[in-house]
Amino acid sequence: MAHPVDVHVGKRIRHRRWLVGMTQQQLAESVGIKFQQIQKYETGANRVSASRLWDIADSLDVEIAFFFEGIEQDGGMERVNHDAVPADILGDKEALDLVRSYYSIPENQRRRLFDLARVLSEVS
């Protein structure tokens, strides 16, 4: 059984990879491994070593801490805080595609779209 922290880190790897529009193959080539290993990391089936996580963070242009966001210390035991990082966002390709599309819009238009979305969410 995979450790919850390994699963969380794997989801964060997948999340970031999708956000930057990178395939498993592209990430694997960037860090010098086979794409099957990326699959295992993303599911939490295999743990990511510190040096490999360093390489993945570099390839995905994030700090190492990104992969641990949403995990809290609780009496010496690590647990995933599902309120901090909603699992449905991490696993929802449509939501990640929406975020990627949002950031491809020029900033001034993106701000107007954001304001519109906020007003619509308050109405419903």
PDB file of N, CA and C in Angstrom:
ATOM      1  N   MET A   1       0.841  -1.183   0.000  1.00  0.00           N
ATOM      2  CA  MET A   1       0.000   0.000   0.000  1.00  0.00           C
ATOM      3  C   MET A   1       0.888   1.249   0.000  1.00  0.00           C
ATOM      4  N   ALA A   2       0.577   2.186  -0.863  1.00  0.00           N
ATOM      5  CA  ALA A   2       1.379   3.403  -0.991  1.00  0.00           C
ATOM      6  C   ALA A   2       1.159   4.314   0.214  1.00  0.00           C
ATOM      7  N   HIS A   3       2.221   4.959   0.637  1.00  0.00           N
ATOM      8  CA  HIS A   3       2.145   5.920   1.735  1.00  0.00           C
ATOM      9  C   HIS A   3       1.393   7.160   1.241  1.00  0.00           C
ATOM     10  N   PRO A   4       0.518   7.753   2.071  1.00  0.00           N
ATOM     11  CA  PRO A   4      -0.259   8.931   1.643  1.00  0.00           C
ATOM     12  C   PRO A   4       0.611  10.097   1.169  1.00  0.00           C
ATOM     13  N   VAL A   5       1.785  10.265   1.747  1.00  0.00           N
ATOM     14  CA  VAL A   5       2.664  11.352   1.310  1.00  0.00           C
ATOM     15  C   VAL A   5       3.194  11.079  -0.090  1.00  0.00           C
ATOM     16  N   ASP A   6       3.532   9.818  -0.392  1.00  0.00           N
ATOM     17  CA  ASP A   6       3.998   9.470  -1.735  1.00  0.00           C
ATOM     18  C   ASP A   6       2.894   9.710  -2.763  1.00  0.00           C
ATOM     19  N   VAL A   7       1.673   9.372  -2.403  1.00  0.00           N
ATOM     20  CA  VAL A   7       0.528   9.601  -3.295  1.00  0.00           C
ATOM     21  C   VAL A   7       0.341  11.097  -3.518  1.00  0.00           C
ATOM     22  N   HIS A   8       0.429  11.875  -2.437  1.00  0.00           N
ATOM     23  CA  HIS A   8       0.254  13.327  -2.534  1.00  0.00           C
ATOM     24  C   HIS A   8       1.331  13.955  -3.431  1.00  0.00           C
ATOM     25  N   VAL A   9       2.580  13.574  -3.214  1.00  0.00           N
ATOM     26  CA  VAL A   9       3.678  14.108  -4.034  1.00  0.00           C
ATOM     27  C   VAL A   9       3.460  13.726  -5.497  1.00  0.00           C
ATOM     28  N   GLY A  10       3.032  12.500  -5.741  1.00  0.00           N
ATOM     29  CA  GLY A  10       2.761  12.068  -7.116  1.00  0.00           C
ATOM     30  C   GLY A  10       1.656  12.877  -7.769  1.00  0.00           C
ATOM     31  N   LYS A  11       0.609  13.166  -7.012  1.00  0.00           N
ATOM     32  CA  LYS A  11      -0.480  13.997  -7.550  1.00  0.00           C
ATOM     33  C   LYS A  11       0.008  15.398  -7.864  1.00  0.00           C
ATOM     34  N   ARG A  12       0.878  15.921  -7.009  1.00  0.00           N
ATOM     35  CA  ARG A  12       1.417  17.260  -7.251  1.00  0.00           C
ATOM     36  C   ARG A  12       2.326  17.280  -8.484  1.00  0.00           C
ATOM     37  N   ILE A  13       3.070  16.191  -8.701  1.00  0.00           N
ATOM     38  CA  ILE A  13       3.891  16.091  -9.919  1.00  0.00           C
ATOM     39  C   ILE A  13       2.976  16.109 -11.138  1.00  0.00           C
ATOM     40  N   ARG A  14       1.932  15.268 -11.125  1.00  0.00           N
ATOM     41  CA  ARG A  14       0.995  15.215 -12.251  1.00  0.00           C
ATOM     42  C   ARG A  14       0.322  16.569 -12.459  1.00  0.00           C
ATOM     43  N   HIS A  15      -0.110  17.186 -11.366  1.00  0.00           N
ATOM     44  CA  HIS A  15      -0.774  18.490 -11.427  1.00  0.00           C
ATOM     45  C   HIS A  15       0.108  19.523 -12.129  1.00  0.00           C
ATOM     46  N   ARG A  16       1.335  19.633 -11.696  1.00  0.00           N
ATOM     47  CA  ARG A  16       2.240  20.622 -12.285  1.00  0.00           C
ATOM     48  C   ARG A  16       2.567  20.283 -13.730  1.00  0.00           C
ATOM     49  N   ARG A  17       2.759  18.993 -14.008  1.00  0.00           N
ATOM     50  CA  ARG A  17       3.069  18.566 -15.379  1.00  0.00           C
ATOM     51  C   ARG A  17       1.945  18.970 -16.317  1.00  0.00           C
ATOM     52  N   TRP A  18       0.698  18.737 -15.892  1.00  0.00           N
ATOM     53  CA  TRP A  18      -0.457  19.121 -16.715  1.00  0.00           C
ATOM     54  C   TRP A  18      -0.529  20.635 -16.882  1.00  0.00           C
ATOM     55  N   LEU A  19      -0.264  21.363 -15.806  1.00  0.00           N
ATOM     56  CA  LEU A  19      -0.336  22.823 -15.882  1.00  0.00           C
ATOM     57  C   LEU A  19       0.636  23.401 -16.890  1.00  0.00           C
ATOM     58  N   VAL A  20       1.819  22.813 -16.980  1.00  0.00           N
ATOM     59  CA  VAL A  20       2.800  23.339 -17.928  1.00  0.00           C
ATOM     60  C   VAL A  20       2.671  22.697 -19.311  1.00  0.00           C
ATOM     61  N   GLY A  21       1.718  21.768 -19.452  1.00  0.00           N
ATOM     62  CA  GLY A  21       1.482  21.157 -20.752  1.00  0.00           C
ATOM     63  C   GLY A  21       2.539  20.166 -21.180  1.00  0.00           C
ATOM     64  N   MET A  22       3.098  19.464 -20.227  1.00  0.00           N
ATOM     65  CA  MET A  22       4.170  18.501 -20.496  1.00  0.00           C
ATOM     66  C   MET A  22       3.614  17.079 -20.419  1.00  0.00           C
ATOM     67  N   THR A  23       4.045  16.223 -21.310  1.00  0.00           N
ATOM     68  CA  THR A  23       3.647  14.817 -21.257  1.00  0.00           C
ATOM     69  C   THR A  23       4.553  14.063 -20.294  1.00  0.00           C
ATOM     70  N   GLN A  24       4.130  12.866 -19.926  1.00  0.00           N
ATOM     71  CA  GLN A  24       4.986  12.023 -19.084  1.00  0.00           C
ATOM     72  C   GLN A  24       6.294  11.727 -19.803  1.00  0.00           C
ATOM     73  N   GLN A  25       6.218  11.502 -21.092  1.00  0.00           N
ATOM     74  CA  GLN A  25       7.421  11.215 -21.875  1.00  0.00           C
ATOM     75  C   GLN A  25       8.387  12.394 -21.853  1.00  0.00           C
ATOM     76  N   GLN A  26       7.871  13.598 -22.020  1.00  0.00           N
ATOM     77  CA  GLN A  26       8.723  14.780 -22.022  1.00  0.00           C
ATOM     78  C   GLN A  26       9.393  14.980 -20.655  1.00  0.00           C
ATOM     79  N   LEU A  27       8.629  14.789 -19.582  1.00  0.00           N
ATOM     80  CA  LEU A  27       9.206  14.932 -18.250  1.00  0.00           C
ATOM     81  C   LEU A  27      10.270  13.864 -18.006  1.00  0.00           C
ATOM     82  N   ALA A  28       9.958  12.640 -18.420  1.00  0.00           N
ATOM     83  CA  ALA A  28      10.910  11.543 -18.243  1.00  0.00           C
ATOM     84  C   ALA A  28      12.214  11.833 -18.977  1.00  0.00           C
ATOM     85  N   GLU A  29      12.122  12.289 -20.212  1.00  0.00           N
ATOM     86  CA  GLU A  29      13.329  12.606 -20.981  1.00  0.00           C
ATOM     87  C   GLU A  29      14.108  13.741 -20.324  1.00  0.00           C
ATOM     88  N   SER A  30      13.387  14.700 -19.765  1.00  0.00           N
ATOM     89  CA  SER A  30      14.029  15.844 -19.127  1.00  0.00           C
ATOM     90  C   SER A  30      14.851  15.438 -17.900  1.00  0.00           C
ATOM     91  N   VAL A  31      14.369  14.417 -17.180  1.00  0.00           N
ATOM     92  CA  VAL A  31      15.097  13.988 -15.974  1.00  0.00           C
ATOM     93  C   VAL A  31      15.917  12.721 -16.193  1.00  0.00           C
ATOM     94  N   GLY A  32      15.866  12.166 -17.411  1.00  0.00           N
ATOM     95  CA  GLY A  32      16.721  11.031 -17.756  1.00  0.00           C
ATOM     96  C   GLY A  32      16.218   9.678 -17.279  1.00  0.00           C
ATOM     97  N   ILE A  33      14.908   9.486 -17.297  1.00  0.00           N
ATOM     98  CA  ILE A  33      14.332   8.195 -16.924  1.00  0.00           C
ATOM     99  C   ILE A  33      13.277   7.804 -17.949  1.00  0.00           C
ATOM    100  N   LYS A  34      12.681   6.643 -17.768  1.00  0.00           N
ATOM    101  CA  LYS A  34      11.619   6.181 -18.665  1.00  0.00           C
ATOM    102  C   LYS A  34      10.274   6.711 -18.187  1.00  0.00           C
ATOM    103  N   PHE A  35       9.334   6.894 -19.127  1.00  0.00           N
ATOM    104  CA  PHE A  35       8.046   7.472 -18.759  1.00  0.00           C
ATOM    105  C   PHE A  35       7.270   6.579 -17.802  1.00  0.00           C
ATOM    106  N   GLN A  36       7.538   5.269 -17.826  1.00  0.00           N
ATOM    107  CA  GLN A  36       6.860   4.368 -16.904  1.00  0.00           C
ATOM    108  C   GLN A  36       7.184   4.717 -15.451  1.00  0.00           C
ATOM    109  N   GLN A  37       8.409   5.205 -15.231  1.00  0.00           N
ATOM    110  CA  GLN A  37       8.791   5.597 -13.874  1.00  0.00           C
ATOM    111  C   GLN A  37       8.002   6.825 -13.436  1.00  0.00           C
ATOM    112  N   ILE A  38       7.784   7.750 -14.352  1.00  0.00           N
ATOM    113  CA  ILE A  38       6.950   8.926 -14.040  1.00  0.00           C
ATOM    114  C   ILE A  38       5.546   8.464 -13.672  1.00  0.00           C
ATOM    115  N   GLN A  39       5.003   7.490 -14.420  1.00  0.00           N
ATOM    116  CA  GLN A  39       3.680   6.944 -14.095  1.00  0.00           C
ATOM    117  C   GLN A  39       3.657   6.414 -12.670  1.00  0.00           C
ATOM    118  N   LYS A  40       4.689   5.685 -12.286  1.00  0.00           N
ATOM    119  CA  LYS A  40       4.744   5.104 -10.941  1.00  0.00           C
ATOM    120  C   LYS A  40       4.861   6.191  -9.880  1.00  0.00           C
ATOM    121  N   TYR A  41       5.630   7.237 -10.164  1.00  0.00           N
ATOM    122  CA  TYR A  41       5.718   8.345  -9.218  1.00  0.00           C
ATOM    123  C   TYR A  41       4.360   9.017  -9.055  1.00  0.00           C
ATOM    124  N   GLU A  42       3.687   9.257 -10.171  1.00  0.00           N
ATOM    125  CA  GLU A  42       2.422   9.993 -10.140  1.00  0.00           C
ATOM    126  C   GLU A  42       1.313   9.236  -9.412  1.00  0.00           C
ATOM    127  N   THR A  43       1.375   7.932  -9.393  1.00  0.00           N
ATOM    128  CA  THR A  43       0.370   7.149  -8.673  1.00  0.00           C
ATOM    129  C   THR A  43       0.772   6.888  -7.228  1.00  0.00           C
ATOM    130  N   GLY A  44       2.014   7.176  -6.897  1.00  0.00           N
ATOM    131  CA  GLY A  44       2.507   6.897  -5.556  1.00  0.00           C
ATOM    132  C   GLY A  44       2.987   5.468  -5.398  1.00  0.00           C
ATOM    133  N   ALA A  45       2.998   4.702  -6.494  1.00  0.00           N
ATOM    134  CA  ALA A  45       3.453   3.313  -6.432  1.00  0.00           C
ATOM    135  C   ALA A  45       4.936   3.246  -6.092  1.00  0.00           C
ATOM    136  N   ASN A  46       5.719   4.206  -6.588  1.00  0.00           N
ATOM    137  CA  ASN A  46       7.143   4.301  -6.265  1.00  0.00           C
ATOM    138  C   ASN A  46       7.412   5.634  -5.591  1.00  0.00           C
ATOM    139  N   ARG A  47       8.284   5.607  -4.603  1.00  0.00           N
ATOM    140  CA  ARG A  47       8.698   6.837  -3.943  1.00  0.00           C
ATOM    141  C   ARG A  47       9.712   7.565  -4.810  1.00  0.00           C
ATOM    142  N   VAL A  48       9.672   8.888  -4.721  1.00  0.00           N
ATOM    143  CA  VAL A  48      10.612   9.718  -5.472  1.00  0.00           C
ATOM    144  C   VAL A  48      11.786  10.038  -4.553  1.00  0.00           C
ATOM    145  N   SER A  49      12.989   9.722  -4.990  1.00  0.00           N
ATOM    146  CA  SER A  49      14.172  10.040  -4.187  1.00  0.00           C
ATOM    147  C   SER A  49      14.371  11.556  -4.164  1.00  0.00           C
ATOM    148  N   ALA A  50      15.146  12.021  -3.205  1.00  0.00           N
ATOM    149  CA  ALA A  50      15.401  13.455  -3.063  1.00  0.00           C
ATOM    150  C   ALA A  50      16.055  14.024  -4.326  1.00  0.00           C
ATOM    151  N   SER A  51      17.036  13.320  -4.856  1.00  0.00           N
ATOM    152  CA  SER A  51      17.723  13.835  -6.044  1.00  0.00           C
ATOM    153  C   SER A  51      16.814  13.841  -7.269  1.00  0.00           C
ATOM    154  N   ARG A  52      15.968  12.828  -7.387  1.00  0.00           N
ATOM    155  CA  ARG A  52      15.036  12.780  -8.515  1.00  0.00           C
ATOM    156  C   ARG A  52      13.974  13.880  -8.367  1.00  0.00           C
ATOM    157  N   LEU A  53      13.506  14.116  -7.142  1.00  0.00           N
ATOM    158  CA  LEU A  53      12.524  15.182  -6.919  1.00  0.00           C
ATOM    159  C   LEU A  53      13.141  16.537  -7.257  1.00  0.00           C
ATOM    160  N   TRP A  54      14.423  16.686  -6.944  1.00  0.00           N
ATOM    161  CA  TRP A  54      15.144  17.908  -7.303  1.00  0.00           C
ATOM    162  C   TRP A  54      15.129  18.106  -8.821  1.00  0.00           C
ATOM    163  N   ASP A  55      15.430  17.040  -9.564  1.00  0.00           N
ATOM    164  CA  ASP A  55      15.434  17.111 -11.030  1.00  0.00           C
ATOM    165  C   ASP A  55      14.043  17.393 -11.582  1.00  0.00           C
ATOM    166  N   ILE A  56      13.023  16.756 -11.002  1.00  0.00           N
ATOM    167  CA  ILE A  56      11.646  16.964 -11.457  1.00  0.00           C
ATOM    168  C   ILE A  56      11.223  18.406 -11.196  1.00  0.00           C
ATOM    169  N   ALA A  57      11.552  18.920 -10.008  1.00  0.00           N
ATOM    170  CA  ALA A  57      11.215  20.305  -9.683  1.00  0.00           C
ATOM    171  C   ALA A  57      11.888  21.262 -10.660  1.00  0.00           C
ATOM    172  N   ASP A  58      13.136  20.994 -10.997  1.00  0.00           N
ATOM    173  CA  ASP A  58      13.858  21.833 -11.946  1.00  0.00           C
ATOM    174  C   ASP A  58      13.188  21.780 -13.318  1.00  0.00           C
ATOM    175  N   SER A  59      12.813  20.587 -13.761  1.00  0.00           N
ATOM    176  CA  SER A  59      12.176  20.431 -15.071  1.00  0.00           C
ATOM    177  C   SER A  59      10.805  21.092 -15.131  1.00  0.00           C
ATOM    178  N   LEU A  60      10.104  21.087 -13.999  1.00  0.00           N
ATOM    179  CA  LEU A  60       8.752  21.663 -13.949  1.00  0.00           C
ATOM    180  C   LEU A  60       8.760  23.111 -13.463  1.00  0.00           C
ATOM    181  N   ASP A  61       9.954  23.646 -13.199  1.00  0.00           N
ATOM    182  CA  ASP A  61      10.139  25.032 -12.805  1.00  0.00           C
ATOM    183  C   ASP A  61       9.346  25.407 -11.550  1.00  0.00           C
ATOM    184  N   VAL A  62       9.487  24.575 -10.505  1.00  0.00           N
ATOM    185  CA  VAL A  62       8.881  24.855  -9.205  1.00  0.00           C
ATOM    186  C   VAL A  62       9.903  24.583  -8.111  1.00  0.00           C
ATOM    187  N   GLU A  63       9.626  25.117  -6.933  1.00  0.00           N
ATOM    188  CA  GLU A  63      10.435  24.819  -5.758  1.00  0.00           C
ATOM    189  C   GLU A  63      10.066  23.420  -5.264  1.00  0.00           C
ATOM    190  N   ILE A  64      10.961  22.761  -4.576  1.00  0.00           N
ATOM    191  CA  ILE A  64      10.702  21.441  -4.006  1.00  0.00           C
ATOM    192  C   ILE A  64       9.459  21.484  -3.104  1.00  0.00           C
ATOM    193  N   ALA A  65       9.308  22.571  -2.360  1.00  0.00           N
ATOM    194  CA  ALA A  65       8.183  22.699  -1.412  1.00  0.00           C
ATOM    195  C   ALA A  65       6.829  22.576  -2.110  1.00  0.00           C
ATOM    196  N   PHE A  66       6.750  22.887  -3.393  1.00  0.00           N
ATOM    197  CA  PHE A  66       5.491  22.784  -4.127  1.00  0.00           C
ATOM    198  C   PHE A  66       4.876  21.397  -3.978  1.00  0.00           C
ATOM    199  N   PHE A  67       5.706  20.366  -4.001  1.00  0.00           N
ATOM    200  CA  PHE A  67       5.213  18.994  -3.972  1.00  0.00           C
ATOM    201  C   PHE A  67       4.642  18.599  -2.614  1.00  0.00           C
ATOM    202  N   PHE A  68       4.965  19.377  -1.585  1.00  0.00           N
ATOM    203  CA  PHE A  68       4.508  19.061  -0.238  1.00  0.00           C
ATOM    204  C   PHE A  68       3.407  20.001   0.255  1.00  0.00           C
ATOM    205  N   GLU A  69       3.004  20.954  -0.574  1.00  0.00           N
ATOM    206  CA  GLU A  69       1.922  21.852  -0.179  1.00  0.00           C
ATOM    207  C   GLU A  69       0.668  21.031   0.068  1.00  0.00           C
ATOM    208  N   GLY A  70      -0.022  21.339   1.173  1.00  0.00           N
ATOM    209  CA  GLY A  70      -1.237  20.618   1.512  1.00  0.00           C
ATOM    210  C   GLY A  70      -1.011  19.468   2.470  1.00  0.00           C
ATOM    211  N   ILE A  71       0.227  19.289   2.915  1.00  0.00           N
ATOM    212  CA  ILE A  71       0.533  18.252   3.911  1.00  0.00           C
ATOM    213  C   ILE A  71       0.862  18.956   5.218  1.00  0.00           C
ATOM    214  N   GLU A  72       0.287  18.472   6.308  1.00  0.00           N
ATOM    215  CA  GLU A  72       0.526  19.060   7.630  1.00  0.00           C
ATOM    216  C   GLU A  72       1.241  18.072   8.524  1.00  0.00           C
ATOM    217  N   GLN A  73       1.932  18.588   9.518  1.00  0.00           N
ATOM    218  CA  GLN A  73       2.491  17.756  10.580  1.00  0.00           C
ATOM    219  C   GLN A  73       1.415  17.621  11.654  1.00  0.00           C
ATOM    220  N   ASP A  74       1.173  16.421  12.123  1.00  0.00           N
ATOM    221  CA  ASP A  74       0.149  16.186  13.140  1.00  0.00           C
ATOM    222  C   ASP A  74       0.706  15.201  14.159  1.00  0.00           C
ATOM    223  N   GLY A  75       1.230  15.718  15.252  1.00  0.00           N
ATOM    224  CA  GLY A  75       1.769  14.843  16.287  1.00  0.00           C
ATOM    225  C   GLY A  75       2.892  13.959  15.788  1.00  0.00           C
ATOM    226  N   GLY A  76       3.733  14.491  14.916  1.00  0.00           N
ATOM    227  CA  GLY A  76       4.847  13.709  14.399  1.00  0.00           C
ATOM    228  C   GLY A  76       4.482  12.855  13.198  1.00  0.00           C
ATOM    229  N   MET A  77       3.202  12.750  12.898  1.00  0.00           N
ATOM    230  CA  MET A  77       2.764  11.965  11.743  1.00  0.00           C
ATOM    231  C   MET A  77       2.324  12.926  10.643  1.00  0.00           C
ATOM    232  N   GLU A  78       2.745  12.652   9.444  1.00  0.00           N
ATOM    233  CA  GLU A  78       2.318  13.484   8.331  1.00  0.00           C
ATOM    234  C   GLU A  78       0.958  13.006   7.854  1.00  0.00           C
ATOM    235  N   ARG A  79       0.101  13.963   7.515  1.00  0.00           N
ATOM    236  CA  ARG A  79      -1.186  13.614   6.935  1.00  0.00           C
ATOM    237  C   ARG A  79      -1.519  14.631   5.855  1.00  0.00           C
ATOM    238  N   VAL A  80      -2.277  14.202   4.893  1.00  0.00           N
ATOM    239  CA  VAL A  80      -2.674  15.082   3.805  1.00  0.00           C
ATOM    240  C   VAL A  80      -3.841  15.919   4.275  1.00  0.00           C
ATOM    241  N   ASN A  81      -3.737  17.229   4.092  1.00  0.00           N
ATOM    242  CA  ASN A  81      -4.820  18.143   4.413  1.00  0.00           C
ATOM    243  C   ASN A  81      -5.637  18.349   3.151  1.00  0.00           C
ATOM    244  N   HIS A  82      -6.756  17.675   3.068  1.00  0.00           N
ATOM    245  CA  HIS A  82      -7.568  17.727   1.854  1.00  0.00           C
ATOM    246  C   HIS A  82      -8.230  19.077   1.651  1.00  0.00           C
ATOM    247  N   ASP A  83      -8.360  19.879   2.710  1.00  0.00           N
ATOM    248  CA  ASP A  83      -8.939  21.209   2.552  1.00  0.00           C
ATOM    249  C   ASP A  83      -7.979  22.152   1.841  1.00  0.00           C
ATOM    250  N   ALA A  84      -6.676  21.981   2.053  1.00  0.00           N
ATOM    251  CA  ALA A  84      -5.687  22.879   1.459  1.00  0.00           C
ATOM    252  C   ALA A  84      -5.502  22.618  -0.036  1.00  0.00           C
ATOM    253  N   VAL A  85      -5.571  21.363  -0.457  1.00  0.00           N
ATOM    254  CA  VAL A  85      -5.401  21.007  -1.856  1.00  0.00           C
ATOM    255  C   VAL A  85      -6.529  20.055  -2.230  1.00  0.00           C
ATOM    256  N   PRO A  86      -7.619  20.581  -2.793  1.00  0.00           N
ATOM    257  CA  PRO A  86      -8.740  19.700  -3.132  1.00  0.00           C
ATOM    258  C   PRO A  86      -8.322  18.628  -4.128  1.00  0.00           C
ATOM    259  N   ALA A  87      -8.588  17.391  -3.789  1.00  0.00           N
ATOM    260  CA  ALA A  87      -8.191  16.268  -4.644  1.00  0.00           C
ATOM    261  C   ALA A  87      -8.862  16.333  -6.008  1.00  0.00           C
ATOM    262  N   ASP A  88     -10.094  16.862  -6.058  1.00  0.00           N
ATOM    263  CA  ASP A  88     -10.792  16.926  -7.341  1.00  0.00           C
ATOM    264  C   ASP A  88     -10.082  17.855  -8.319  1.00  0.00           C
ATOM    265  N   ILE A  89      -9.409  18.883  -7.838  1.00  0.00           N
ATOM    266  CA  ILE A  89      -8.671  19.784  -8.717  1.00  0.00           C
ATOM    267  C   ILE A  89      -7.430  19.076  -9.257  1.00  0.00           C
ATOM    268  N   LEU A  90      -6.724  18.355  -8.390  1.00  0.00           N
ATOM    269  CA  LEU A  90      -5.509  17.681  -8.815  1.00  0.00           C
ATOM    270  C   LEU A  90      -5.776  16.587  -9.833  1.00  0.00           C
ATOM    271  N   GLY A  91      -6.925  15.948  -9.725  1.00  0.00           N
ATOM    272  CA  GLY A  91      -7.222  14.834 -10.607  1.00  0.00           C
ATOM    273  C   GLY A  91      -8.118  15.175 -11.773  1.00  0.00           C
ATOM    274  N   ASP A  92      -8.540  16.420 -11.878  1.00  0.00           N
ATOM    275  CA  ASP A  92      -9.494  16.814 -12.908  1.00  0.00           C
ATOM    276  C   ASP A  92      -8.769  17.476 -14.072  1.00  0.00           C
ATOM    277  N   LYS A  93      -8.593  16.717 -15.145  1.00  0.00           N
ATOM    278  CA  LYS A  93      -7.866  17.235 -16.302  1.00  0.00           C
ATOM    279  C   LYS A  93      -8.563  18.450 -16.895  1.00  0.00           C
ATOM    280  N   GLU A  94      -9.886  18.460 -16.879  1.00  0.00           N
ATOM    281  CA  GLU A  94     -10.631  19.601 -17.421  1.00  0.00           C
ATOM    282  C   GLU A  94     -10.313  20.880 -16.641  1.00  0.00           C
ATOM    283  N   ALA A  95     -10.258  20.782 -15.311  1.00  0.00           N
ATOM    284  CA  ALA A  95      -9.934  21.951 -14.494  1.00  0.00           C
ATOM    285  C   ALA A  95      -8.518  22.435 -14.782  1.00  0.00           C
ATOM    286  N   LEU A  96      -7.602  21.504 -14.927  1.00  0.00           N
ATOM    287  CA  LEU A  96      -6.222  21.896 -15.216  1.00  0.00           C
ATOM    288  C   LEU A  96      -6.089  22.502 -16.609  1.00  0.00           C
ATOM    289  N   ASP A  97      -6.846  21.974 -17.573  1.00  0.00           N
ATOM    290  CA  ASP A  97      -6.858  22.571 -18.914  1.00  0.00           C
ATOM    291  C   ASP A  97      -7.415  23.990 -18.862  1.00  0.00           C
ATOM    292  N   LEU A  98      -8.439  24.187 -18.024  1.00  0.00           N
ATOM    293  CA  LEU A  98      -9.026  25.510 -17.863  1.00  0.00           C
ATOM    294  C   LEU A  98      -7.999  26.486 -17.285  1.00  0.00           C
ATOM    295  N   VAL A  99      -7.256  26.049 -16.281  1.00  0.00           N
ATOM    296  CA  VAL A  99      -6.234  26.903 -15.675  1.00  0.00           C
ATOM    297  C   VAL A  99      -5.144  27.224 -16.696  1.00  0.00           C
ATOM    298  N   ARG A 100      -4.723  26.233 -17.447  1.00  0.00           N
ATOM    299  CA  ARG A 100      -3.695  26.461 -18.467  1.00  0.00           C
ATOM    300  C   ARG A 100      -4.193  27.459 -19.515  1.00  0.00           C
ATOM    301  N   SER A 101      -5.432  27.301 -19.948  1.00  0.00           N
ATOM    302  CA  SER A 101      -6.014  28.229 -20.919  1.00  0.00           C
ATOM    303  C   SER A 101      -6.125  29.626 -20.336  1.00  0.00           C
ATOM    304  N   TYR A 102      -6.538  29.704 -19.074  1.00  0.00           N
ATOM    305  CA  TYR A 102      -6.676  30.995 -18.393  1.00  0.00           C
ATOM    306  C   TYR A 102      -5.358  31.762 -18.423  1.00  0.00           C
ATOM    307  N   TYR A 103      -4.267  31.087 -18.123  1.00  0.00           N
ATOM    308  CA  TYR A 103      -2.982  31.768 -18.086  1.00  0.00           C
ATOM    309  C   TYR A 103      -2.408  32.062 -19.465  1.00  0.00           C
ATOM    310  N   SER A 104      -3.012  31.524 -20.503  1.00  0.00           N
ATOM    311  CA  SER A 104      -2.547  31.865 -21.849  1.00  0.00           C
ATOM    312  C   SER A 104      -3.230  33.129 -22.379  1.00  0.00           C
ATOM    313  N   ILE A 105      -4.243  33.634 -21.660  1.00  0.00           N
ATOM    314  CA  ILE A 105      -4.948  34.865 -22.029  1.00  0.00           C
ATOM    315  C   ILE A 105      -4.101  36.060 -21.579  1.00  0.00           C
ATOM    316  N   PRO A 106      -4.025  37.105 -22.391  1.00  0.00           N
ATOM    317  CA  PRO A 106      -3.281  38.303 -21.972  1.00  0.00           C
ATOM    318  C   PRO A 106      -3.782  38.823 -20.621  1.00  0.00           C
ATOM    319  N   GLU A 107      -2.853  39.378 -19.836  1.00  0.00           N
ATOM    320  CA  GLU A 107      -3.158  39.722 -18.434  1.00  0.00           C
ATOM    321  C   GLU A 107      -4.351  40.655 -18.272  1.00  0.00           C
ATOM    322  N   ASN A 108      -4.464  41.682 -19.085  1.00  0.00           N
ATOM    323  CA  ASN A 108      -5.581  42.614 -18.906  1.00  0.00           C
ATOM    324  C   ASN A 108      -6.929  41.939 -19.176  1.00  0.00           C
ATOM    325  N   GLN A 109      -6.999  41.077 -20.169  1.00  0.00           N
ATOM    326  CA  GLN A 109      -8.228  40.334 -20.451  1.00  0.00           C
ATOM    327  C   GLN A 109      -8.475  39.274 -19.382  1.00  0.00           C
ATOM    328  N   ARG A 110      -7.394  38.665 -18.905  1.00  0.00           N
ATOM    329  CA  ARG A 110      -7.507  37.638 -17.868  1.00  0.00           C
ATOM    330  C   ARG A 110      -8.118  38.231 -16.603  1.00  0.00           C
ATOM    331  N   ARG A 111      -7.725  39.456 -16.251  1.00  0.00           N
ATOM    332  CA  ARG A 111      -8.263  40.116 -15.061  1.00  0.00           C
ATOM    333  C   ARG A 111      -9.763  40.350 -15.210  1.00  0.00           C
ATOM    334  N   ARG A 112     -10.193  40.756 -16.398  1.00  0.00           N
ATOM    335  CA  ARG A 112     -11.622  40.983 -16.634  1.00  0.00           C
ATOM    336  C   ARG A 112     -12.393  39.668 -16.565  1.00  0.00           C
ATOM    337  N   LEU A 113     -11.810  38.608 -17.098  1.00  0.00           N
ATOM    338  CA  LEU A 113     -12.443  37.293 -17.033  1.00  0.00           C
ATOM    339  C   LEU A 113     -12.557  36.823 -15.580  1.00  0.00           C
ATOM    340  N   PHE A 114     -11.511  37.063 -14.802  1.00  0.00           N
ATOM    341  CA  PHE A 114     -11.524  36.703 -13.385  1.00  0.00           C
ATOM    342  C   PHE A 114     -12.635  37.452 -12.642  1.00  0.00           C
ATOM    343  N   ASP A 115     -12.758  38.751 -12.900  1.00  0.00           N
ATOM    344  CA  ASP A 115     -13.801  39.546 -12.254  1.00  0.00           C
ATOM    345  C   ASP A 115     -15.184  39.034 -12.640  1.00  0.00           C
ATOM    346  N   LEU A 116     -15.370  38.674 -13.903  1.00  0.00           N
ATOM    347  CA  LEU A 116     -16.645  38.123 -14.354  1.00  0.00           C
ATOM    348  C   LEU A 116     -16.950  36.806 -13.637  1.00  0.00           C
ATOM    349  N   ALA A 117     -15.965  35.930 -13.536  1.00  0.00           N
ATOM    350  CA  ALA A 117     -16.157  34.644 -12.865  1.00  0.00           C
ATOM    351  C   ALA A 117     -16.519  34.856 -11.399  1.00  0.00           C
ATOM    352  N   ARG A 118     -15.879  35.797 -10.754  1.00  0.00           N
ATOM    353  CA  ARG A 118     -16.181  36.074  -9.345  1.00  0.00           C
ATOM    354  C   ARG A 118     -17.626  36.543  -9.199  1.00  0.00           C
ATOM    355  N   VAL A 119     -18.075  37.452 -10.065  1.00  0.00           N
ATOM    356  CA  VAL A 119     -19.458  37.942  -9.996  1.00  0.00           C
ATOM    357  C   VAL A 119     -20.432  36.797 -10.246  1.00  0.00           C
ATOM    358  N   LEU A 120     -20.157  35.960 -11.229  1.00  0.00           N
ATOM    359  CA  LEU A 120     -21.037  34.823 -11.522  1.00  0.00           C
ATOM    360  C   LEU A 120     -21.116  33.840 -10.365  1.00  0.00           C
ATOM    361  N   SER A 121     -20.003  33.623  -9.684  1.00  0.00           N
ATOM    362  CA  SER A 121     -20.002  32.682  -8.559  1.00  0.00           C
ATOM    363  C   SER A 121     -20.770  33.255  -7.374  1.00  0.00           C
ATOM    364  N   GLU A 122     -20.764  34.562  -7.213  1.00  0.00           N
ATOM    365  CA  GLU A 122     -21.515  35.182  -6.114  1.00  0.00           C
ATOM    366  C   GLU A 122     -23.012  35.158  -6.369  1.00  0.00           C
ATOM    367  N   VAL A 123     -23.406  35.196  -7.638  1.00  0.00           N
ATOM    368  CA  VAL A 123     -24.819  35.190  -7.999  1.00  0.00           C
ATOM    369  C   VAL A 123     -25.428  33.813  -7.787  1.00  0.00           C
ATOM    370  N   SER A 124     -24.657  32.764  -8.054  1.00  0.00           N
ATOM    371  CA  SER A 124     -25.215  31.403  -7.961  1.00  0.00           C
ATOM    372  C   SER A 124     -25.206  30.829  -6.587  1.00  0.00           C
TER     373      SER A 124
END
